[in-house]
C-alpha atoms as a PDB file:
ATOM      1  CA  ALA A   1     -14.565 -17.032 -17.263  1.00  0.00           C
ATOM      2  CA  ARG A   2     -14.545 -13.368 -17.938  1.00  0.00           C
ATOM      3  CA  GLU A   3     -11.384 -12.159 -19.586  1.00  0.00           C
ATOM      4  CA  MET A   4      -9.206  -9.839 -17.516  1.00  0.00           C
ATOM      5  CA  ASN A   5      -6.588  -9.586 -20.262  1.00  0.00           C
ATOM      6  CA  HIS A   6      -3.785  -6.950 -20.060  1.00  0.00           C
ATOM      7  CA  HIS A   7      -1.497  -6.510 -17.150  1.00  0.00           C
ATOM      8  CA  LEU A   8      -4.016  -7.029 -14.410  1.00  0.00           C
ATOM      9  CA  TRP A   9      -1.170  -7.210 -11.930  1.00  0.00           C
ATOM     10  CA  LEU A  10       1.876  -8.866 -10.683  1.00  0.00           C
ATOM     11  CA  GLY A  11       5.553  -8.706 -10.195  1.00  0.00           C
ATOM     12  CA  LEU A  12       8.500  -8.746  -7.877  1.00  0.00           C
ATOM     13  CA  ALA A  13      10.664  -5.876  -9.063  1.00  0.00           C
ATOM     14  CA  VAL A  14       9.747  -2.224  -8.725  1.00  0.00           C
ATOM     15  CA  VAL A  15       9.356  -0.655 -12.148  1.00  0.00           C
ATOM     16  CA  SER A  16       8.085   2.587 -13.569  1.00  0.00           C
ATOM     17  CA  ALA A  17       4.333   3.049 -13.921  1.00  0.00           C
ATOM     18  CA  ALA A  18       4.593   2.856 -17.689  1.00  0.00           C
ATOM     19  CA  ALA A  19       6.579  -0.364 -17.626  1.00  0.00           C
ATOM     20  CA  ALA A  20       4.320  -1.797 -14.956  1.00  0.00           C
ATOM     21  CA  CYS A  21       1.300  -1.281 -17.136  1.00  0.00           C
ATOM     22  CA  ALA A  22       2.586  -2.795 -20.346  1.00  0.00           C
ATOM     23  CA  GLY A  23       2.390  -6.500 -21.055  1.00  0.00           C
ATOM     24  CA  VAL A  24       5.402  -8.684 -21.686  1.00  0.00           C
ATOM     25  CA  ASP A  25       5.355  -7.561 -25.317  1.00  0.00           C
ATOM     26  CA  GLY A  26       4.902  -3.916 -24.322  1.00  0.00           C
ATOM     27  CA  ALA A  27       1.318  -3.830 -25.594  1.00  0.00           C
ATOM     28  CA  LYS A  28      -1.188  -1.601 -23.858  1.00  0.00           C
ATOM     29  CA  HIS A  29      -4.940  -1.987 -23.598  1.00  0.00           C
ATOM     30  CA  SER A  30      -6.974  -2.034 -26.775  1.00  0.00           C
ATOM     31  CA  ALA A  31     -10.702  -1.477 -27.147  1.00  0.00           C
ATOM     32  CA  ILE A  32     -11.070  -5.253 -27.377  1.00  0.00           C
ATOM     33  CA  ASP A  33      -9.079  -5.673 -24.167  1.00  0.00           C
ATOM     34  CA  ARG A  34     -11.341  -3.219 -22.387  1.00  0.00           C
ATOM     35  CA  ALA A  35     -14.433  -5.039 -23.621  1.00  0.00           C
ATOM     36  CA  ASN A  36     -12.979  -8.330 -22.440  1.00  0.00           C
ATOM     37  CA  ASP A  37     -12.167  -6.774 -19.071  1.00  0.00           C
ATOM     38  CA  ALA A  38     -15.821  -5.876 -18.784  1.00  0.00           C
ATOM     39  CA  GLY A  39     -16.863  -9.439 -19.431  1.00  0.00           C
ATOM     40  CA  VAL A  40     -18.192  -8.739 -22.921  1.00  0.00           C
ATOM     41  CA  ASP A  41     -17.900 -11.707 -25.300  1.00  0.00           C
ATOM     42  CA  ALA A  42     -15.393 -13.265 -22.916  1.00  0.00           C
ATOM     43  CA  ALA A  43     -14.410 -16.898 -23.157  1.00  0.00           C
ATOM     44  CA  ARG A  44     -15.925 -19.168 -20.531  1.00  0.00           C
ATOM     45  CA  GLU A  45     -14.291 -22.153 -18.944  1.00  0.00           C
ATOM     46  CA  PRO A  46     -16.217 -25.359 -18.159  1.00  0.00           C
ATOM     47  CA  GLY A  47     -17.760 -25.206 -14.718  1.00  0.00           C
ATOM     48  CA  ASP A  48     -17.509 -21.444 -14.321  1.00  0.00           C
ATOM     49  CA  ALA A  49     -20.568 -19.756 -12.948  1.00  0.00           C
ATOM     50  CA  VAL A  50     -21.492 -16.830 -15.166  1.00  0.00           C
ATOM     51  CA  ALA A  51     -23.325 -13.633 -14.319  1.00  0.00           C
ATOM     52  CA  PRO A  52     -25.784 -12.063 -16.759  1.00  0.00           C
ATOM     53  CA  ALA A  53     -24.013 -10.964 -19.948  1.00  0.00           C
ATOM     54  CA  ASP A  54     -24.130  -7.247 -19.155  1.00  0.00           C
ATOM     55  CA  ASP A  55     -23.182  -7.553 -15.491  1.00  0.00           C
ATOM     56  CA  GLY A  56     -19.427  -7.191 -15.980  1.00  0.00           C
ATOM     57  CA  ALA A  57     -19.785  -4.142 -18.195  1.00  0.00           C
ATOM     58  CA  ALA A  58     -22.199  -2.547 -15.745  1.00  0.00           C
ATOM     59  CA  LEU A  59     -19.735  -2.971 -12.883  1.00  0.00           C
ATOM     60  CA  LEU A  60     -16.597  -1.992 -14.738  1.00  0.00           C
ATOM     61  CA  PHE A  61     -18.060   1.068 -16.447  1.00  0.00           C
ATOM     62  CA  ALA A  62     -20.271   2.265 -13.583  1.00  0.00           C
ATOM     63  CA  SER A  63     -20.112   5.972 -12.744  1.00  0.00           C
ATOM     64  CA  PRO A  64     -17.352   6.905 -10.267  1.00  0.00           C
ATOM     65  CA  ARG A  65     -18.473   6.365  -6.687  1.00  0.00           C
ATOM     66  CA  CYS A  66     -17.364   4.967  -3.351  1.00  0.00           C
ATOM     67  CA  THR A  67     -19.755   2.022  -3.198  1.00  0.00           C
ATOM     68  CA  SER A  68     -19.055   1.209   0.453  1.00  0.00           C
ATOM     69  CA  GLY A  69     -19.492   4.818   1.586  1.00  0.00           C
ATOM     70  CA  VAL A  70     -16.442   4.305   3.821  1.00  0.00           C
ATOM     71  CA  THR A  71     -13.327   6.399   3.215  1.00  0.00           C
ATOM     72  CA  ARG A  72     -10.145   5.458   5.018  1.00  0.00           C
ATOM     73  CA  ASP A  73      -7.964   8.204   6.501  1.00  0.00           C
ATOM     74  CA  PRO A  74      -4.719   8.281   4.478  1.00  0.00           C
ATOM     75  CA  ASN A  75      -2.894   9.178   7.728  1.00  0.00           C
ATOM     76  CA  GLU A  76      -4.250   6.177   9.607  1.00  0.00           C
ATOM     77  CA  SER A  77      -2.066   3.664  11.404  1.00  0.00           C
ATOM     78  CA  GLU A  78      -0.111   1.321   9.186  1.00  0.00           C
ATOM     79  CA  GLY A  79      -1.589  -2.083   8.517  1.00  0.00           C
ATOM     80  CA  PRO A  80      -3.088  -4.389   5.874  1.00  0.00           C
ATOM     81  CA  GLU A  81      -6.165  -2.195   5.382  1.00  0.00           C
ATOM     82  CA  MET A  82      -4.286   1.055   4.827  1.00  0.00           C
ATOM     83  CA  ASN A  83      -4.560   3.196   1.683  1.00  0.00           C
ATOM     84  CA  PRO A  84      -6.836   1.104  -0.551  1.00  0.00           C
ATOM     85  CA  GLY A  85      -6.373   2.024  -4.205  1.00  0.00           C
ATOM     86  CA  HIS A  86      -2.841   3.406  -3.847  1.00  0.00           C
ATOM     87  CA  ALA A  87       0.201   1.908  -5.599  1.00  0.00           C
ATOM     88  CA  CYS A  88       1.348  -0.428  -2.831  1.00  0.00           C
ATOM     89  CA  ILE A  89       4.744  -1.546  -4.106  1.00  0.00           C
ATOM     90  CA  ALA A  90       5.904   1.928  -5.126  1.00  0.00           C
ATOM     91  CA  CYS A  91       5.019   3.322  -1.701  1.00  0.00           C
ATOM     92  CA  HIS A  92       6.508   0.452   0.274  1.00  0.00           C
ATOM     93  CA  SER A  93       9.687   0.530  -1.806  1.00  0.00           C
ATOM     94  CA  ALA A  94      10.091   4.244  -1.134  1.00  0.00           C
ATOM     95  CA  VAL A  95       9.694   3.643   2.599  1.00  0.00           C
ATOM     96  CA  ILE A  96      12.179   0.767   2.550  1.00  0.00           C
ATOM     97  CA  ALA A  97      14.672   2.942   0.638  1.00  0.00           C
ATOM     98  CA  THR A  98      14.663   5.440   3.512  1.00  0.00           C
ATOM     99  CA  GLY A  99      15.674   2.691   5.927  1.00  0.00           C
ATOM    100  CA  ASP A 100      12.273   2.444   7.566  1.00  0.00           C
ATOM    101  CA  ASP A 101      10.513  -0.857   8.059  1.00  0.00           C
ATOM    102  CA  ALA A 102       7.793  -1.926   5.622  1.00  0.00           C
ATOM    103  CA  PRO A 103       6.795  -5.255   4.063  1.00  0.00           C
ATOM    104  CA  SER A 104       8.224  -6.021   0.629  1.00  0.00           C
ATOM    105  CA  PHE A 105       5.504  -7.317  -1.674  1.00  0.00           C
ATOM    106  CA  SER A 106       5.808  -9.664  -4.620  1.00  0.00           C
ATOM    107  CA  PHE A 107       2.447  -8.401  -5.822  1.00  0.00           C
ATOM    108  CA  ALA A 108      -0.205  -6.224  -4.236  1.00  0.00           C
ATOM    109  CA  GLY A 109      -3.288  -4.223  -5.111  1.00  0.00           C
ATOM    110  CA  THR A 110      -6.920  -3.552  -4.317  1.00  0.00           C
ATOM    111  CA  ALA A 111     -10.024  -5.240  -5.695  1.00  0.00           C
ATOM    112  CA  PHE A 112     -13.151  -3.088  -5.897  1.00  0.00           C
ATOM    113  CA  PRO A 113     -16.840  -3.765  -6.549  1.00  0.00           C
ATOM    114  CA  THR A 114     -16.924  -1.279  -9.460  1.00  0.00           C
ATOM    115  CA  GLY A 115     -14.388   0.108 -11.903  1.00  0.00           C
ATOM    116  CA  HIS A 116     -13.900   3.723 -10.830  1.00  0.00           C
ATOM    117  CA  GLU A 117     -13.781   3.806  -7.034  1.00  0.00           C
ATOM    118  CA  PRO A 118     -11.663   6.656  -5.587  1.00  0.00           C
ATOM    119  CA  ASP A 119      -8.442   6.229  -3.621  1.00  0.00           C
ATOM    120  CA  ASN A 120      -8.961   5.468   0.077  1.00  0.00           C
ATOM    121  CA  CYS A 121     -12.436   4.058  -0.507  1.00  0.00           C
ATOM    122  CA  ALA A 122     -12.898   0.745   1.289  1.00  0.00           C
ATOM    123  CA  GLY A 123     -13.604  -1.870  -1.365  1.00  0.00           C
ATOM    124  CA  SER A 124     -15.935  -3.680   1.020  1.00  0.00           C
ATOM    125  CA  GLY A 125     -17.832  -5.587  -1.668  1.00  0.00           C
ATOM    126  CA  SER A 126     -14.596  -7.306  -2.661  1.00  0.00           C
ATOM    127  CA  GLU A 127     -13.765  -8.974   0.639  1.00  0.00           C
ATOM    128  CA  GLY A 128     -12.986 -12.646   0.142  1.00  0.00           C
ATOM    129  CA  ALA A 129     -12.073 -12.374  -3.544  1.00  0.00           C
ATOM    130  CA  VAL A 130      -9.210 -14.759  -4.320  1.00  0.00           C
ATOM    131  CA  ILE A 131      -6.439 -13.558  -6.610  1.00  0.00           C
ATOM    132  CA  THR A 132      -4.313 -16.412  -7.970  1.00  0.00           C
ATOM    133  CA  VAL A 133      -1.059 -15.697  -9.775  1.00  0.00           C
ATOM    134  CA  THR A 134       0.511 -18.233 -12.120  1.00  0.00           C
ATOM    135  CA  ASP A 135       4.117 -17.691 -13.126  1.00  0.00           C
ATOM    136  CA  ALA A 136       6.081 -18.817 -16.163  1.00  0.00           C
ATOM    137  CA  ALA A 137       7.152 -21.998 -14.371  1.00  0.00           C
ATOM    138  CA  GLY A 138       3.576 -22.941 -13.528  1.00  0.00           C
ATOM    139  CA  GLN A 139       3.892 -22.034  -9.840  1.00  0.00           C
ATOM    140  CA  THR A 140       0.790 -20.495  -8.273  1.00  0.00           C
ATOM    141  CA  PHE A 141       0.534 -17.892  -5.519  1.00  0.00           C
ATOM    142  CA  ALA A 142      -2.802 -16.915  -3.975  1.00  0.00           C
ATOM    143  CA  ALA A 143      -4.000 -13.931  -1.963  1.00  0.00           C
ATOM    144  CA  THR A 144      -7.418 -13.100  -0.520  1.00  0.00           C
ATOM    145  CA  ALA A 145      -8.833  -9.573  -0.532  1.00  0.00           C
ATOM    146  CA  ASN A 146      -9.389  -8.246   2.968  1.00  0.00           C
ATOM    147  CA  ALA A 147     -12.181  -6.051   4.357  1.00  0.00           C
ATOM    148  CA  VAL A 148     -11.123  -3.040   2.250  1.00  0.00           C
ATOM    149  CA  GLY A 149     -10.238  -5.070  -0.860  1.00  0.00           C
ATOM    150  CA  ASN A 150      -6.464  -5.015  -0.372  1.00  0.00           C
ATOM    151  CA  PHE A 151      -4.522  -8.146  -1.310  1.00  0.00           C
ATOM    152  CA  PHE A 152      -0.813  -8.931  -1.300  1.00  0.00           C
ATOM    153  CA  VAL A 153       1.818 -11.653  -1.269  1.00  0.00           C
ATOM    154  CA  GLU A 154       5.174 -11.263   0.457  1.00  0.00           C
ATOM    155  CA  ASP A 155       8.353 -13.289   0.105  1.00  0.00           C
ATOM    156  CA  ALA A 156       7.420 -15.063  -3.119  1.00  0.00           C
ATOM    157  CA  ALA A 157       9.776 -15.456  -6.042  1.00  0.00           C
ATOM    158  CA  PRO A 158       7.629 -15.830  -9.151  1.00  0.00           C
ATOM    159  CA  LYS A 159       9.285 -16.393 -12.503  1.00  0.00           C
ATOM    160  CA  PHE A 160       8.185 -13.822 -15.032  1.00  0.00           C
ATOM    161  CA  PRO A 161       6.034 -13.338 -17.023  1.00  0.00           C
ATOM    162  CA  ILE A 162       2.942 -13.874 -14.897  1.00  0.00           C
ATOM    163  CA  THR A 163      -0.809 -14.175 -15.415  1.00  0.00           C
ATOM    164  CA  ALA A 164      -3.622 -14.139 -12.861  1.00  0.00           C
ATOM    165  CA  THR A 165      -7.271 -14.757 -12.080  1.00  0.00           C
ATOM    166  CA  ILE A 166      -9.677 -13.138  -9.636  1.00  0.00           C
ATOM    167  CA  GLU A 167     -12.605 -15.159  -8.302  1.00  0.00           C
ATOM    168  CA  LEU A 168     -15.543 -14.312  -6.077  1.00  0.00           C
ATOM    169  CA  GLY A 169     -18.855 -16.058  -5.532  1.00  0.00           C
ATOM    170  CA  GLY A 170     -18.084 -18.751  -8.096  1.00  0.00           C
ATOM    171  CA  ARG A 171     -17.366 -16.201 -10.839  1.00  0.00           C
ATOM    172  CA  LYS A 172     -13.984 -15.596 -12.387  1.00  0.00           C
ATOM    173  CA  ARG A 173     -12.060 -13.128 -14.502  1.00  0.00           C
ATOM    174  CA  ARG A 174      -8.756 -14.182 -15.988  1.00  0.00           C
ATOM    175  CA  MET A 175      -5.850 -12.251 -17.408  1.00  0.00           C
ATOM    176  CA  THR A 176      -4.554 -13.426 -20.777  1.00  0.00           C
ATOM    177  CA  ALA A 177      -1.618 -11.095 -21.521  1.00  0.00           C
ATOM    178  CA  PRO A 178       1.446 -12.022 -19.404  1.00  0.00           C
ATOM    179  CA  GLN A 179       2.884  -9.183 -17.337  1.00  0.00           C
ATOM    180  CA  MET A 180       6.101  -8.214 -15.617  1.00  0.00           C
ATOM    181  CA  SER A 181       5.008  -6.111 -12.625  1.00  0.00           C
ATOM    182  CA  GLY A 182       3.010  -6.626  -9.461  1.00  0.00           C
ATOM    183  CA  ASP A 183       2.219  -3.019  -8.544  1.00  0.00           C
ATOM    184  CA  CYS A 184      -1.404  -3.498  -9.588  1.00  0.00           C
ATOM    185  CA  ASN A 185      -2.793  -0.149  -8.507  1.00  0.00           C
ATOM    186  CA  SER A 186      -0.149   1.816 -10.421  1.00  0.00           C
ATOM    187  CA  CYS A 187      -2.256   1.275 -13.550  1.00  0.00           C
ATOM    188  CA  HIS A 188      -5.581   0.238 -12.052  1.00  0.00           C
ATOM    189  CA  THR A 189      -6.321   3.745 -10.809  1.00  0.00           C
ATOM    190  CA  ALA A 190      -9.774   5.277 -10.473  1.00  0.00           C
ATOM    191  CA  GLU A 191      -9.497   6.696 -14.001  1.00  0.00           C
ATOM    192  CA  GLY A 192      -7.277   3.949 -15.405  1.00  0.00           C
ATOM    193  CA  ALA A 193      -3.685   4.557 -16.521  1.00  0.00           C
ATOM    194  CA  GLU A 194      -1.671   3.365 -19.519  1.00  0.00           C
ATOM    195  CA  GLY A 195      -4.812   1.946 -21.101  1.00  0.00           C
ATOM    196  CA  ALA A 196      -6.146   0.112 -18.056  1.00  0.00           C
ATOM    197  CA  PRO A 197      -9.930   0.583 -17.938  1.00  0.00           C
ATOM    198  CA  GLY A 198     -10.002   1.449 -14.238  1.00  0.00           C
ATOM    199  CA  ARG A 199      -9.885  -0.551 -11.035  1.00  0.00           C
ATOM    200  CA  ILE A 200      -9.397  -4.291 -10.631  1.00  0.00           C
ATOM    201  CA  THR A 201     -13.072  -5.162 -10.485  1.00  0.00           C
ATOM    202  CA  VAL A 202     -14.507  -8.329  -8.983  1.00  0.00           C
ATOM    203  CA  PRO A 203     -16.458 -10.549 -11.406  1.00  0.00           C
END
């Protein structure tokens, strides 16, 4: 499996962007973490299908672009395909705080085909990717990326810290550093924040 170590995702509580992006020990991404995120010298698990050695790096460090060529209108109707790339939990929490109706997510984010896709770009090449969260008690929670790459779980109560995997087409990346937040896109921005190398990128 390709390593997706760092905070790749996950949580139940709303926290600041900085806290969301640090691991359980407060560590941020190192150069080794970023190489592992790209699939370079990553550990493999028995039975995992593996892409060519440079494939992960090529995807993660590709030049910024909207691979699908489809940009969603940020003012579009609300729904599961809205605002790909935006920090889902922060936005939904702000809406809920005003008294308006919005789902409350345990974790949520967007998976993209490459590492530096802009906000509102439909992550079409990520549809069907399965994100599986494992909490400190060994419970698992799974979500599937939709047509724009968005994924989310509502009404779960994971016990922190949490790790996760993302799988597509028989390939897998896994996170190794436990994390305390589920607002995935708060750090997995187009440029990458708090040491994240960029977007959550499918393997």
